[in-house]
C-alpha atoms as a PDB file:
ATOM      1  CA  MET A   1      -0.313  29.806   3.523  1.00  0.00           C
ATOM      2  CA  VAL A   2      -1.601  27.021   5.681  1.00  0.00           C
ATOM      3  CA  MET A   3      -5.173  28.378   5.516  1.00  0.00           C
ATOM      4  CA  THR A   4      -5.020  28.831   1.866  1.00  0.00           C
ATOM      5  CA  CYS A   5      -3.723  25.246   1.454  1.00  0.00           C
ATOM      6  CA  ASN A   6      -6.511  23.902   3.594  1.00  0.00           C
ATOM      7  CA  SER A   7      -9.056  25.793   1.665  1.00  0.00           C
ATOM      8  CA  ILE A   8      -7.938  24.499  -1.603  1.00  0.00           C
ATOM      9  CA  VAL A   9      -7.715  21.006  -0.353  1.00  0.00           C
ATOM     10  CA  ARG A  10     -11.226  21.175   0.967  1.00  0.00           C
ATOM     11  CA  SER A  11     -12.516  22.887  -2.352  1.00  0.00           C
ATOM     12  CA  CYS A  12     -10.763  20.065  -4.457  1.00  0.00           C
ATOM     13  CA  ILE A  13     -11.905  17.101  -2.158  1.00  0.00           C
ATOM     14  CA  ALA A  14     -15.613  18.755  -2.132  1.00  0.00           C
ATOM     15  CA  ASN A  15     -15.676  18.596  -5.912  1.00  0.00           C
ATOM     16  CA  SER A  16     -14.311  15.143  -6.333  1.00  0.00           C
ATOM     17  CA  THR A  17     -15.947  11.595  -5.724  1.00  0.00           C
ATOM     18  CA  ILE A  18     -14.778   9.234  -3.019  1.00  0.00           C
ATOM     19  CA  ASP A  19     -13.518   7.066  -5.649  1.00  0.00           C
ATOM     20  CA  GLU A  20     -11.418   9.664  -7.422  1.00  0.00           C
ATOM     21  CA  ILE A  21      -9.806  10.755  -4.044  1.00  0.00           C
ATOM     22  CA  ILE A  22      -9.064   6.993  -3.011  1.00  0.00           C
ATOM     23  CA  THR A  23      -8.246   5.402  -6.280  1.00  0.00           C
ATOM     24  CA  ASN A  24      -6.925   8.343  -8.388  1.00  0.00           C
ATOM     25  CA  ARG A  25      -4.474  10.326  -6.096  1.00  0.00           C
ATOM     26  CA  LYS A  26      -2.392  11.370  -9.069  1.00  0.00           C
ATOM     27  CA  ALA A  27      -5.252  13.436 -10.525  1.00  0.00           C
ATOM     28  CA  VAL A  28      -6.240  14.998  -7.000  1.00  0.00           C
ATOM     29  CA  ARG A  29      -2.501  15.785  -6.505  1.00  0.00           C
ATOM     30  CA  GLU A  30      -2.488  17.552 -10.085  1.00  0.00           C
ATOM     31  CA  LYS A  31      -5.614  19.649  -9.328  1.00  0.00           C
ATOM     32  CA  LEU A  32      -4.109  20.578  -6.004  1.00  0.00           C
ATOM     33  CA  PHE A  33      -0.799  21.531  -7.699  1.00  0.00           C
ATOM     34  CA  ASP A  34      -2.678  23.641 -10.310  1.00  0.00           C
ATOM     35  CA  GLU A  35      -4.498  25.536  -7.719  1.00  0.00           C
ATOM     36  CA  LEU A  36      -1.707  26.246  -5.542  1.00  0.00           C
ATOM     37  CA  GLU A  37       0.523  27.304  -8.433  1.00  0.00           C
ATOM     38  CA  LYS A  38      -1.892  29.945  -9.416  1.00  0.00           C
ATOM     39  CA  ILE A  39      -2.333  31.431  -5.823  1.00  0.00           C
ATOM     40  CA  SER A  40       1.528  31.134  -4.899  1.00  0.00           C
ATOM     41  CA  LYS A  41       2.658  32.508  -8.327  1.00  0.00           C
ATOM     42  CA  GLY A  42       3.165  36.115  -7.037  1.00  0.00           C
ATOM     43  CA  TRP A  43       4.348  35.394  -3.623  1.00  0.00           C
ATOM     44  CA  GLY A  44       7.803  33.969  -4.583  1.00  0.00           C
ATOM     45  CA  ILE A  45       6.950  30.375  -3.670  1.00  0.00           C
ATOM     46  CA  GLN A  46       7.578  27.541  -6.067  1.00  0.00           C
ATOM     47  CA  ILE A  47       5.560  24.240  -5.521  1.00  0.00           C
ATOM     48  CA  GLU A  48       7.669  21.196  -6.228  1.00  0.00           C
ATOM     49  CA  THR A  49       5.434  18.486  -5.233  1.00  0.00           C
ATOM     50  CA  ILE A  50       2.276  17.779  -3.435  1.00  0.00           C
ATOM     51  CA  GLU A  51       1.822  14.316  -1.720  1.00  0.00           C
ATOM     52  CA  ILE A  52      -1.244  12.605  -0.169  1.00  0.00           C
ATOM     53  CA  THR A  53       0.044  10.771   2.712  1.00  0.00           C
ATOM     54  CA  ASP A  54      -3.262   9.686   4.308  1.00  0.00           C
ATOM     55  CA  VAL A  55      -6.983   9.584   3.450  1.00  0.00           C
ATOM     56  CA  SER A  56      -9.229   9.339   6.569  1.00  0.00           C
ATOM     57  CA  ILE A  57     -12.758   8.491   6.055  1.00  0.00           C
ATOM     58  CA  LEU A  58     -14.619  10.006   9.186  1.00  0.00           C
ATOM     59  CA  SER A  59     -18.070   8.575   8.337  1.00  0.00           C
ATOM     60  CA  SER A  60     -18.153   5.019   9.666  1.00  0.00           C
ATOM     61  CA  THR A  61     -21.273   4.322   7.179  1.00  0.00           C
ATOM     62  CA  LEU A  62     -19.310   5.362   4.172  1.00  0.00           C
ATOM     63  CA  PHE A  63     -16.127   3.565   5.321  1.00  0.00           C
ATOM     64  CA  SER A  64     -18.349   0.335   5.845  1.00  0.00           C
ATOM     65  CA  ASN A  65     -19.838   0.619   2.427  1.00  0.00           C
ATOM     66  CA  ILE A  66     -16.475   1.216   0.836  1.00  0.00           C
ATOM     67  CA  GLN A  67     -15.059  -1.957   2.609  1.00  0.00           C
ATOM     68  CA  THR A  68     -17.947  -3.943   1.641  1.00  0.00           C
ATOM     69  CA  ARG A  69     -17.434  -3.269  -1.953  1.00  0.00           C
ATOM     70  CA  PHE A  70     -13.836  -3.966  -1.717  1.00  0.00           C
ATOM     71  CA  LYS A  71     -14.471  -7.140   0.030  1.00  0.00           C
ATOM     72  CA  GLU A  72     -17.194  -8.293  -2.478  1.00  0.00           C
ATOM     73  CA  GLU A  73     -14.702  -7.477  -5.441  1.00  0.00           C
ATOM     74  CA  GLU A  74     -11.866  -9.527  -3.634  1.00  0.00           C
ATOM     75  CA  LYS A  75     -14.427 -12.365  -3.106  1.00  0.00           C
ATOM     76  CA  LEU A  76     -15.348 -12.349  -6.694  1.00  0.00           C
ATOM     77  CA  LYS A  77     -11.609 -12.225  -7.815  1.00  0.00           C
ATOM     78  CA  ALA A  78     -10.938 -15.161  -5.544  1.00  0.00           C
ATOM     79  CA  THR A  79     -13.938 -16.996  -6.974  1.00  0.00           C
ATOM     80  CA  LYS A  80     -12.793 -16.602 -10.607  1.00  0.00           C
ATOM     81  CA  ASP A  81      -9.310 -17.589  -9.639  1.00  0.00           C
ATOM     82  CA  LYS A  82     -10.498 -20.974  -8.090  1.00  0.00           C
ATOM     83  CA  LEU A  83     -12.648 -21.568 -11.159  1.00  0.00           C
ATOM     84  CA  GLU A  84      -9.743 -20.939 -13.539  1.00  0.00           C
ATOM     85  CA  ILE A  85      -7.535 -23.427 -11.366  1.00  0.00           C
ATOM     86  CA  LYS A  86     -10.243 -25.959 -11.373  1.00  0.00           C
ATOM     87  CA  LYS A  87     -10.607 -25.680 -15.293  1.00  0.00           C
ATOM     88  CA  GLN A  88      -6.848 -26.123 -15.674  1.00  0.00           C
ATOM     89  CA  LEU A  89      -6.757 -29.164 -13.452  1.00  0.00           C
ATOM     90  CA  LYS A  90      -9.647 -30.874 -15.302  1.00  0.00           C
ATOM     91  CA  LEU A  91      -7.833 -30.039 -18.461  1.00  0.00           C
ATOM     92  CA  GLU A  92      -4.691 -31.520 -17.384  1.00  0.00           C
ATOM     93  CA  GLN A  93      -6.591 -34.448 -16.014  1.00  0.00           C
ATOM     94  CA  SER A  94      -8.281 -34.987 -19.425  1.00  0.00           C
ATOM     95  CA  GLN A  95      -5.058 -34.882 -21.201  1.00  0.00           C
ATOM     96  CA  THR A  96      -3.673 -37.419 -18.706  1.00  0.00           C
ATOM     97  CA  ASN A  97      -6.666 -39.730 -19.152  1.00  0.00           C
ATOM     98  CA  ILE A  98      -6.356 -39.404 -23.055  1.00  0.00           C
ATOM     99  CA  MET A  99      -2.493 -40.188 -22.925  1.00  0.00           C
ATOM    100  CA  ALA A 100      -3.194 -43.149 -20.753  1.00  0.00           C
ATOM    101  CA  GLU A 101      -6.044 -44.409 -23.093  1.00  0.00           C
ATOM    102  CA  GLN A 102      -3.844 -44.013 -26.057  1.00  0.00           C
ATOM    103  CA  LYS A 103      -0.921 -46.084 -24.444  1.00  0.00           C
ATOM    104  CA  ARG A 104      -3.558 -48.931 -23.679  1.00  0.00           C
ATOM    105  CA  THR A 105      -4.785 -48.739 -27.168  1.00  0.00           C
ATOM    106  CA  ASP A 106      -1.340 -48.897 -28.758  1.00  0.00           C
ATOM    107  CA  ALA A 107      -0.227 -51.809 -26.321  1.00  0.00           C
ATOM    108  CA  ASN A 108      -3.289 -53.867 -27.571  1.00  0.00           C
END
């Protein structure tokens, strides 16, 4: 059974993209479950669940490329967050300035 499981996992992984494997573990588990269920049906074995506990990327180049993309996405998100905060601060400062100007005008 172990060899059969290894074979099914390898086949599933080989027919998936890295992104699918890393980001959509549920779909990969479902594929594995379906394949294992087909094979084990006549064996008196019932598959309850399949868990992916670890994903190892053995290619250092591939790992570096994935990390680069992730880091760039995080940097972009942080930049957008900073811009949004600056925009909010400017808006609040403008509102404060308008209120102060209105008070000065009303006082005169």
